[in-house]
Amino acid sequence: MAKFKAIESPLKMSRAYFKKVTSFFSNVASVETTVTSPFMTRHKGPLGLFVISADTGLCGVYNYQVMRATERFIEANKGQDIKLYVYGRKGAGHFRKRGIPVEHIFPGMHGRMKADFHQSVLDLLTADFLSHKISEFHVAHTVFINPMKSNAIVEKFLHVDRPELKDTNFILEFTHEGILSELMPLYLSSKLRLMMLESLTAEHASRMVAMKSSKDNAKELMGDLILLRNKVRQAAITKEVIEIISSVEALKG
C-alpha cells in the first residue's frame, strides 16, 4: 500500500508532463515535412522488443499479462528476426526457461523508483537504433487504469512517426531542425519514463490486490478451521457425556 501511494502521484504528474511535451513535439514535427531526425528514419534490420516485467512474484497476473502480450507480438511477427531486451528478473527467467535468447537484461529496481531510473534503458535502446543494429523498437508494458485493472500492451517506441499536420498559431524564433533536435530526446525520454512508471504502478497495485486477497482468504480459512475445531471438540464432549450417562444407567441396572 505504501509503495503504491508513493508512486501514484509521480505517475499522474508524468502523464500531464508527457501530454504537454507531446503537444509541443506534434506541433513542431508536423509543420515542416522536409525537416527530419535520425529517430524518424526508417531502415532495415531486426525488430527490437523491450519487455518490462517485475523482479519478484506475488503480484497476481501482472507478469503473466505482459508475457502474453509479448508472445502475441512474437507470433504476429513470425518469420522476422526479433531481439529481446528485458527489464526485470521474472521476464528474463520466463524466456530462459523456454530457451529464447535475450539480447540484453536490465537489472530491475525491486519495485523502487529513482529519478533517472529509465536513463540507462533509454541510452542503450537509442544507441542500438541509431547504429542500425535494430530497425524498430517496440515496448511491451502495462498501462495502469485503476488498482483493480491494468492492460498489457505492445507499443512502438522507435522509429518515431511524423505527426499529422496541425493548425499552428505560434512563431518559432529558431529553425525547425534546431528545435526538433532539442525536443526529440526530451520526447523520447518522457515517453519511456511514462511507460516504465505505468508498469511499476500497475505492478504495485497488482501486488497490493494480490496480498489483500491472500489475507482475506487466510482469514476465511482460519474461520473455517476454528469452526471445524469447535465442531470436533463439541462432538468429543457429547460422546463423553453419552458414555458417562450410559455407564450410570448400566450401574443402576
C-alpha atoms as a PDB file:
ATOM      1  CA  MET A   1       0.000   0.000   0.000  1.00  0.00           C
ATOM      2  CA  ALA A   2       2.761   2.482   0.943  1.00  0.00           C
ATOM      3  CA  LYS A   3       4.748   1.856  -2.272  1.00  0.00           C
ATOM      4  CA  PHE A   4       1.604   2.212  -4.377  1.00  0.00           C
ATOM      5  CA  LYS A   5       0.673   5.525  -2.739  1.00  0.00           C
ATOM      6  CA  ALA A   6       4.223   6.810  -3.195  1.00  0.00           C
ATOM      7  CA  ILE A   7       4.282   6.145  -6.946  1.00  0.00           C
ATOM      8  CA  GLU A   8       0.694   7.074  -7.853  1.00  0.00           C
ATOM      9  CA  SER A   9       1.360  10.825  -7.599  1.00  0.00           C
ATOM     10  CA  PRO A  10       4.523  10.787  -9.797  1.00  0.00           C
ATOM     11  CA  LEU A  11       2.549   8.817 -12.394  1.00  0.00           C
ATOM     12  CA  LYS A  12      -0.164  11.485 -12.587  1.00  0.00           C
ATOM     13  CA  MET A  13       2.435  14.240 -12.932  1.00  0.00           C
ATOM     14  CA  SER A  14       4.359  12.273 -15.553  1.00  0.00           C
ATOM     15  CA  ARG A  15       1.182  11.784 -17.602  1.00  0.00           C
ATOM     16  CA  ALA A  16       0.478  15.524 -17.578  1.00  0.00           C
ATOM     17  CA  TYR A  17       4.103  16.326 -18.456  1.00  0.00           C
ATOM     18  CA  PHE A  18       4.207  13.861 -21.357  1.00  0.00           C
ATOM     19  CA  LYS A  19       0.923  15.206 -22.708  1.00  0.00           C
ATOM     20  CA  LYS A  20       2.385  18.710 -22.867  1.00  0.00           C
ATOM     21  CA  VAL A  21       5.690  17.532 -24.384  1.00  0.00           C
ATOM     22  CA  THR A  22       3.753  15.534 -26.992  1.00  0.00           C
ATOM     23  CA  SER A  23       1.735  18.630 -27.875  1.00  0.00           C
ATOM     24  CA  PHE A  24       4.915  20.667 -28.450  1.00  0.00           C
ATOM     25  CA  PHE A  25       6.537  17.860 -30.406  1.00  0.00           C
ATOM     26  CA  SER A  26       3.484  17.307 -32.624  1.00  0.00           C
ATOM     27  CA  ASN A  27       3.250  20.995 -33.482  1.00  0.00           C
ATOM     28  CA  VAL A  28       6.924  21.297 -34.395  1.00  0.00           C
ATOM     29  CA  ALA A  29       7.347  17.951 -36.187  1.00  0.00           C
ATOM     30  CA  SER A  30       4.199  18.304 -38.299  1.00  0.00           C
ATOM     31  CA  VAL A  31       4.852  21.823 -39.611  1.00  0.00           C
ATOM     32  CA  GLU A  32       7.904  21.294 -41.791  1.00  0.00           C
ATOM     33  CA  THR A  33       7.846  17.943 -43.596  1.00  0.00           C
ATOM     34  CA  THR A  34      11.329  18.436 -45.080  1.00  0.00           C
ATOM     35  CA  VAL A  35      12.900  18.564 -41.622  1.00  0.00           C
ATOM     36  CA  THR A  36      13.597  15.146 -40.150  1.00  0.00           C
ATOM     37  CA  SER A  37      15.532  13.444 -37.368  1.00  0.00           C
ATOM     38  CA  PRO A  38      17.602  10.236 -37.190  1.00  0.00           C
ATOM     39  CA  PHE A  39      14.944   8.947 -34.805  1.00  0.00           C
ATOM     40  CA  MET A  40      12.279   9.362 -37.520  1.00  0.00           C
ATOM     41  CA  THR A  41      14.198   7.497 -40.220  1.00  0.00           C
ATOM     42  CA  ARG A  42      13.213   4.009 -41.347  1.00  0.00           C
ATOM     43  CA  HIS A  43      15.943   1.464 -42.022  1.00  0.00           C
ATOM     44  CA  LYS A  44      16.327  -2.288 -42.373  1.00  0.00           C
ATOM     45  CA  GLY A  45      17.263  -4.689 -39.615  1.00  0.00           C
ATOM     46  CA  PRO A  46      15.790  -6.907 -36.887  1.00  0.00           C
ATOM     47  CA  LEU A  47      12.947  -5.769 -34.649  1.00  0.00           C
ATOM     48  CA  GLY A  48      13.707  -4.901 -31.048  1.00  0.00           C
ATOM     49  CA  LEU A  49      11.230  -5.659 -28.255  1.00  0.00           C
ATOM     50  CA  PHE A  50      11.769  -4.159 -24.815  1.00  0.00           C
ATOM     51  CA  VAL A  51       9.793  -6.121 -22.198  1.00  0.00           C
ATOM     52  CA  ILE A  52       9.039  -4.534 -18.809  1.00  0.00           C
ATOM     53  CA  SER A  53       8.471  -7.186 -16.135  1.00  0.00           C
ATOM     54  CA  ALA A  54       8.845  -7.373 -12.355  1.00  0.00           C
ATOM     55  CA  ASP A  55      11.802  -8.547 -10.284  1.00  0.00           C
ATOM     56  CA  THR A  56       9.645 -10.556  -7.908  1.00  0.00           C
ATOM     57  CA  GLY A  57       6.399 -12.502  -7.906  1.00  0.00           C
ATOM     58  CA  LEU A  58       3.366 -12.327  -5.636  1.00  0.00           C
ATOM     59  CA  CYS A  59       1.833  -9.656  -7.874  1.00  0.00           C
ATOM     60  CA  GLY A  60      -1.148 -11.516  -9.285  1.00  0.00           C
ATOM     61  CA  VAL A  61      -1.348 -11.748 -13.069  1.00  0.00           C
ATOM     62  CA  TYR A  62       0.958  -8.767 -13.704  1.00  0.00           C
ATOM     63  CA  ASN A  63       3.892 -10.753 -15.115  1.00  0.00           C
ATOM     64  CA  TYR A  64       1.603 -13.228 -16.890  1.00  0.00           C
ATOM     65  CA  GLN A  65      -0.196 -10.452 -18.764  1.00  0.00           C
ATOM     66  CA  VAL A  66       2.951  -8.793 -20.084  1.00  0.00           C
ATOM     67  CA  MET A  67       4.416 -12.176 -21.107  1.00  0.00           C
ATOM     68  CA  ARG A  68       1.222 -12.999 -23.000  1.00  0.00           C
ATOM     69  CA  ALA A  69       1.370  -9.627 -24.791  1.00  0.00           C
ATOM     70  CA  THR A  70       4.996 -10.345 -25.687  1.00  0.00           C
ATOM     71  CA  GLU A  71       4.192 -13.800 -27.042  1.00  0.00           C
ATOM     72  CA  ARG A  72       1.315 -12.434 -29.131  1.00  0.00           C
ATOM     73  CA  PHE A  73       3.663  -9.846 -30.668  1.00  0.00           C
ATOM     74  CA  ILE A  74       6.262 -12.509 -31.480  1.00  0.00           C
ATOM     75  CA  GLU A  75       3.583 -14.717 -33.015  1.00  0.00           C
ATOM     76  CA  ALA A  76       2.207 -11.819 -35.086  1.00  0.00           C
ATOM     77  CA  ASN A  77       5.725 -11.125 -36.426  1.00  0.00           C
ATOM     78  CA  LYS A  78       6.686 -14.733 -37.027  1.00  0.00           C
ATOM     79  CA  GLY A  79       9.458 -15.016 -39.580  1.00  0.00           C
ATOM     80  CA  GLN A  80      11.119 -11.750 -38.581  1.00  0.00           C
ATOM     81  CA  ASP A  81      14.294 -11.537 -36.541  1.00  0.00           C
ATOM     82  CA  ILE A  82      13.293 -10.221 -33.096  1.00  0.00           C
ATOM     83  CA  LYS A  83      15.811  -9.280 -30.426  1.00  0.00           C
ATOM     84  CA  LEU A  84      14.553  -9.137 -26.847  1.00  0.00           C
ATOM     85  CA  TYR A  85      15.585  -6.530 -24.292  1.00  0.00           C
ATOM     86  CA  VAL A  86      14.178  -7.470 -20.891  1.00  0.00           C
ATOM     87  CA  TYR A  87      13.721  -5.419 -17.747  1.00  0.00           C
ATOM     88  CA  GLY A  88      13.182  -7.438 -14.555  1.00  0.00           C
ATOM     89  CA  ARG A  89      14.207 -10.915 -13.403  1.00  0.00           C
ATOM     90  CA  LYS A  90      10.788 -12.505 -13.936  1.00  0.00           C
ATOM     91  CA  GLY A  91      10.816 -11.709 -17.645  1.00  0.00           C
ATOM     92  CA  ALA A  92      14.407 -12.903 -18.020  1.00  0.00           C
ATOM     93  CA  GLY A  93      13.565 -16.159 -16.233  1.00  0.00           C
ATOM     94  CA  HIS A  94      10.478 -16.677 -18.400  1.00  0.00           C
ATOM     95  CA  PHE A  95      12.473 -16.574 -21.650  1.00  0.00           C
ATOM     96  CA  ARG A  96      15.400 -18.526 -20.201  1.00  0.00           C
ATOM     97  CA  LYS A  97      13.118 -21.454 -19.293  1.00  0.00           C
ATOM     98  CA  ARG A  98      11.792 -21.516 -22.863  1.00  0.00           C
ATOM     99  CA  GLY A  99      15.223 -21.354 -24.437  1.00  0.00           C
ATOM    100  CA  ILE A 100      14.549 -17.966 -26.048  1.00  0.00           C
ATOM    101  CA  PRO A 101      17.738 -15.863 -26.303  1.00  0.00           C
ATOM    102  CA  VAL A 102      17.702 -12.384 -24.774  1.00  0.00           C
ATOM    103  CA  GLU A 103      19.851  -9.620 -26.254  1.00  0.00           C
ATOM    104  CA  HIS A 104      20.141  -7.621 -23.032  1.00  0.00           C
ATOM    105  CA  ILE A 105      18.816  -7.894 -19.461  1.00  0.00           C
ATOM    106  CA  PHE A 106      18.390  -4.741 -17.416  1.00  0.00           C
ATOM    107  CA  PRO A 107      18.582  -5.155 -13.642  1.00  0.00           C
ATOM    108  CA  GLY A 108      15.325  -4.105 -12.054  1.00  0.00           C
ATOM    109  CA  MET A 109      14.868  -1.927  -9.002  1.00  0.00           C
ATOM    110  CA  HIS A 110      12.810  -4.365  -6.915  1.00  0.00           C
ATOM    111  CA  GLY A 111       9.844  -2.016  -7.198  1.00  0.00           C
ATOM    112  CA  ARG A 112      11.772   1.102  -6.165  1.00  0.00           C
ATOM    113  CA  MET A 113      11.799   4.245  -8.269  1.00  0.00           C
ATOM    114  CA  LYS A 114      14.664   6.677  -8.813  1.00  0.00           C
ATOM    115  CA  ALA A 115      14.565   9.986 -10.673  1.00  0.00           C
ATOM    116  CA  ASP A 116      16.584   8.694 -13.652  1.00  0.00           C
ATOM    117  CA  PHE A 117      15.658   5.020 -13.428  1.00  0.00           C
ATOM    118  CA  HIS A 118      14.858   4.915 -17.152  1.00  0.00           C
ATOM    119  CA  GLN A 119      18.031   6.592 -18.419  1.00  0.00           C
ATOM    120  CA  SER A 120      20.259   3.520 -18.824  1.00  0.00           C
ATOM    121  CA  VAL A 121      17.495   1.797 -20.773  1.00  0.00           C
ATOM    122  CA  LEU A 122      16.947   4.846 -22.991  1.00  0.00           C
ATOM    123  CA  ASP A 123      20.669   5.170 -23.720  1.00  0.00           C
ATOM    124  CA  LEU A 124      21.001   1.566 -24.904  1.00  0.00           C
ATOM    125  CA  LEU A 125      17.796   1.480 -26.954  1.00  0.00           C
ATOM    126  CA  THR A 126      18.565   4.716 -28.780  1.00  0.00           C
ATOM    127  CA  ALA A 127      22.197   3.717 -29.343  1.00  0.00           C
ATOM    128  CA  ASP A 128      21.219   0.372 -30.899  1.00  0.00           C
ATOM    129  CA  PHE A 129      18.610   2.107 -33.059  1.00  0.00           C
ATOM    130  CA  LEU A 130      20.910   4.864 -34.299  1.00  0.00           C
ATOM    131  CA  SER A 131      23.651   2.333 -35.106  1.00  0.00           C
ATOM    132  CA  HIS A 132      21.101   0.415 -37.259  1.00  0.00           C
ATOM    133  CA  LYS A 133      21.501  -2.654 -35.055  1.00  0.00           C
ATOM    134  CA  ILE A 134      17.714  -2.527 -34.600  1.00  0.00           C
ATOM    135  CA  SER A 135      15.268  -1.256 -37.233  1.00  0.00           C
ATOM    136  CA  GLU A 136      12.328  -0.648 -34.864  1.00  0.00           C
ATOM    137  CA  PHE A 137      11.830  -0.782 -31.130  1.00  0.00           C
ATOM    138  CA  HIS A 138       8.571  -1.834 -29.535  1.00  0.00           C
ATOM    139  CA  VAL A 139       7.844  -1.840 -25.812  1.00  0.00           C
ATOM    140  CA  ALA A 140       5.750  -4.463 -24.011  1.00  0.00           C
ATOM    141  CA  HIS A 141       4.465  -2.721 -20.921  1.00  0.00           C
ATOM    142  CA  THR A 142       1.437  -2.438 -18.662  1.00  0.00           C
ATOM    143  CA  VAL A 143      -0.941   0.518 -18.641  1.00  0.00           C
ATOM    144  CA  PHE A 144      -2.303   1.306 -15.179  1.00  0.00           C
ATOM    145  CA  ILE A 145      -6.056   2.044 -15.162  1.00  0.00           C
ATOM    146  CA  ASN A 146      -7.040   1.611 -11.523  1.00  0.00           C
ATOM    147  CA  PRO A 147      -5.921  -0.613  -8.621  1.00  0.00           C
ATOM    148  CA  MET A 148      -8.204  -3.397  -9.864  1.00  0.00           C
ATOM    149  CA  LYS A 149      -7.447  -3.161 -13.584  1.00  0.00           C
ATOM    150  CA  SER A 150      -4.462  -2.780 -15.903  1.00  0.00           C
ATOM    151  CA  ASN A 151      -3.802  -3.684 -19.536  1.00  0.00           C
ATOM    152  CA  ALA A 152      -0.621  -5.155 -21.009  1.00  0.00           C
ATOM    153  CA  ILE A 153       0.113  -3.790 -24.484  1.00  0.00           C
ATOM    154  CA  VAL A 154       2.922  -3.599 -27.038  1.00  0.00           C
ATOM    155  CA  GLU A 155       3.585  -0.055 -28.269  1.00  0.00           C
ATOM    156  CA  LYS A 156       6.039   1.207 -30.887  1.00  0.00           C
ATOM    157  CA  PHE A 157       8.772   3.400 -29.471  1.00  0.00           C
ATOM    158  CA  LEU A 158      11.220   3.849 -32.368  1.00  0.00           C
ATOM    159  CA  HIS A 159      11.222   4.968 -35.097  1.00  0.00           C
ATOM    160  CA  VAL A 160       9.029   7.992 -34.382  1.00  0.00           C
ATOM    161  CA  ASP A 161       6.233   8.539 -36.887  1.00  0.00           C
ATOM    162  CA  ARG A 162       5.698  12.060 -38.128  1.00  0.00           C
ATOM    163  CA  PRO A 163       2.555  13.548 -36.531  1.00  0.00           C
ATOM    164  CA  GLU A 164      -0.323  14.705 -38.689  1.00  0.00           C
ATOM    165  CA  LEU A 165      -0.211  18.343 -39.771  1.00  0.00           C
ATOM    166  CA  LYS A 166      -1.972  20.646 -37.296  1.00  0.00           C
ATOM    167  CA  ASP A 167      -3.139  24.223 -37.434  1.00  0.00           C
ATOM    168  CA  THR A 168      -0.396  26.347 -35.938  1.00  0.00           C
ATOM    169  CA  ASN A 169      -0.716  29.709 -34.257  1.00  0.00           C
ATOM    170  CA  PHE A 170       2.817  30.159 -32.954  1.00  0.00           C
ATOM    171  CA  ILE A 171       6.069  31.677 -34.202  1.00  0.00           C
ATOM    172  CA  LEU A 172       9.404  29.846 -33.978  1.00  0.00           C
ATOM    173  CA  GLU A 173      12.445  32.029 -33.316  1.00  0.00           C
ATOM    174  CA  PHE A 174      14.851  29.241 -34.277  1.00  0.00           C
ATOM    175  CA  THR A 175      14.871  26.754 -37.127  1.00  0.00           C
ATOM    176  CA  HIS A 176      12.563  23.746 -37.117  1.00  0.00           C
ATOM    177  CA  GLU A 177      15.576  21.465 -37.369  1.00  0.00           C
ATOM    178  CA  GLY A 178      17.264  23.017 -34.327  1.00  0.00           C
ATOM    179  CA  ILE A 179      14.128  22.855 -32.216  1.00  0.00           C
ATOM    180  CA  LEU A 180      13.350  19.291 -33.310  1.00  0.00           C
ATOM    181  CA  SER A 181      16.862  18.109 -32.454  1.00  0.00           C
ATOM    182  CA  GLU A 182      16.448  19.513 -28.926  1.00  0.00           C
ATOM    183  CA  LEU A 183      12.866  18.339 -28.485  1.00  0.00           C
ATOM    184  CA  MET A 184      13.245  14.770 -29.754  1.00  0.00           C
ATOM    185  CA  PRO A 185      15.431  13.444 -26.876  1.00  0.00           C
ATOM    186  CA  LEU A 186      13.061  15.083 -24.381  1.00  0.00           C
ATOM    187  CA  TYR A 187      10.061  13.477 -26.076  1.00  0.00           C
ATOM    188  CA  LEU A 188      11.644  10.005 -26.119  1.00  0.00           C
ATOM    189  CA  SER A 189      12.837  10.288 -22.522  1.00  0.00           C
ATOM    190  CA  SER A 190       9.451  11.362 -21.177  1.00  0.00           C
ATOM    191  CA  LYS A 191       7.671   8.660 -23.201  1.00  0.00           C
ATOM    192  CA  LEU A 192       9.870   5.805 -21.993  1.00  0.00           C
ATOM    193  CA  ARG A 193       9.781   7.073 -18.419  1.00  0.00           C
ATOM    194  CA  LEU A 194       5.980   7.169 -18.509  1.00  0.00           C
ATOM    195  CA  MET A 195       5.724   3.627 -19.894  1.00  0.00           C
ATOM    196  CA  MET A 196       8.021   2.333 -17.148  1.00  0.00           C
ATOM    197  CA  LEU A 197       6.123   4.315 -14.496  1.00  0.00           C
ATOM    198  CA  GLU A 198       2.820   2.905 -15.736  1.00  0.00           C
ATOM    199  CA  SER A 199       4.239  -0.603 -15.435  1.00  0.00           C
ATOM    200  CA  LEU A 200       5.714   0.000 -11.986  1.00  0.00           C
ATOM    201  CA  THR A 201       2.434   1.441 -10.704  1.00  0.00           C
ATOM    202  CA  ALA A 202       0.476  -1.485 -12.147  1.00  0.00           C
ATOM    203  CA  GLU A 203       2.925  -3.887 -10.503  1.00  0.00           C
ATOM    204  CA  HIS A 204       2.467  -2.303  -7.062  1.00  0.00           C
ATOM    205  CA  ALA A 205      -1.317  -2.197  -7.489  1.00  0.00           C
ATOM    206  CA  SER A 206      -1.446  -5.835  -8.588  1.00  0.00           C
ATOM    207  CA  ARG A 207       0.729  -6.890  -5.655  1.00  0.00           C
ATOM    208  CA  MET A 208      -1.417  -4.876  -3.244  1.00  0.00           C
ATOM    209  CA  VAL A 209      -4.613  -6.517  -4.527  1.00  0.00           C
ATOM    210  CA  ALA A 210      -2.998  -9.984  -4.505  1.00  0.00           C
ATOM    211  CA  MET A 211      -1.811  -9.542  -0.910  1.00  0.00           C
ATOM    212  CA  LYS A 212      -5.233  -8.301   0.199  1.00  0.00           C
ATOM    213  CA  SER A 213      -6.880 -11.267  -1.499  1.00  0.00           C
ATOM    214  CA  SER A 214      -4.437 -13.650   0.206  1.00  0.00           C
ATOM    215  CA  LYS A 215      -5.072 -12.007   3.564  1.00  0.00           C
ATOM    216  CA  ASP A 216      -8.843 -12.256   3.113  1.00  0.00           C
ATOM    217  CA  ASN A 217      -8.559 -15.898   2.051  1.00  0.00           C
ATOM    218  CA  ALA A 218      -6.361 -16.646   5.065  1.00  0.00           C
ATOM    219  CA  LYS A 219      -8.924 -15.065   7.395  1.00  0.00           C
ATOM    220  CA  GLU A 220     -11.714 -17.081   5.783  1.00  0.00           C
ATOM    221  CA  LEU A 221      -9.686 -20.285   6.056  1.00  0.00           C
ATOM    222  CA  MET A 222      -8.896 -19.515   9.699  1.00  0.00           C
ATOM    223  CA  GLY A 223     -12.590 -19.019  10.406  1.00  0.00           C
ATOM    224  CA  ASP A 224     -13.430 -22.344   8.751  1.00  0.00           C
ATOM    225  CA  LEU A 225     -10.710 -24.145  10.746  1.00  0.00           C
ATOM    226  CA  ILE A 226     -11.912 -22.612  14.031  1.00  0.00           C
ATOM    227  CA  LEU A 227     -15.476 -23.713  13.229  1.00  0.00           C
ATOM    228  CA  LEU A 228     -14.251 -27.230  12.401  1.00  0.00           C
ATOM    229  CA  ARG A 229     -12.208 -27.353  15.610  1.00  0.00           C
ATOM    230  CA  ASN A 230     -15.249 -26.314  17.664  1.00  0.00           C
ATOM    231  CA  LYS A 231     -17.416 -28.955  15.974  1.00  0.00           C
ATOM    232  CA  VAL A 232     -14.858 -31.701  16.627  1.00  0.00           C
ATOM    233  CA  ARG A 233     -14.443 -30.600  20.254  1.00  0.00           C
ATOM    234  CA  GLN A 234     -18.223 -30.455  20.757  1.00  0.00           C
ATOM    235  CA  ALA A 235     -18.624 -33.910  19.212  1.00  0.00           C
ATOM    236  CA  ALA A 236     -15.958 -35.305  21.568  1.00  0.00           C
ATOM    237  CA  ILE A 237     -17.632 -33.700  24.612  1.00  0.00           C
ATOM    238  CA  THR A 238     -21.039 -35.033  23.555  1.00  0.00           C
ATOM    239  CA  LYS A 239     -19.589 -38.513  23.118  1.00  0.00           C
ATOM    240  CA  GLU A 240     -18.041 -38.434  26.582  1.00  0.00           C
ATOM    241  CA  VAL A 241     -21.292 -37.238  28.163  1.00  0.00           C
ATOM    242  CA  ILE A 242     -23.231 -40.037  26.452  1.00  0.00           C
ATOM    243  CA  GLU A 243     -20.692 -42.616  27.651  1.00  0.00           C
ATOM    244  CA  ILE A 244     -20.936 -41.325  31.236  1.00  0.00           C
ATOM    245  CA  ILE A 245     -24.736 -41.404  31.167  1.00  0.00           C
ATOM    246  CA  SER A 246     -24.704 -44.894  29.665  1.00  0.00           C
ATOM    247  CA  SER A 247     -22.328 -46.097  32.392  1.00  0.00           C
ATOM    248  CA  VAL A 248     -24.522 -44.599  35.131  1.00  0.00           C
ATOM    249  CA  GLU A 249     -27.618 -46.245  33.697  1.00  0.00           C
ATOM    250  CA  ALA A 250     -25.769 -49.555  33.437  1.00  0.00           C
ATOM    251  CA  LEU A 251     -24.777 -49.363  37.125  1.00  0.00           C
ATOM    252  CA  LYS A 252     -28.362 -48.693  38.136  1.00  0.00           C
ATOM    253  CA  GLY A 253     -29.078 -51.966  36.449  1.00  0.00           C
END
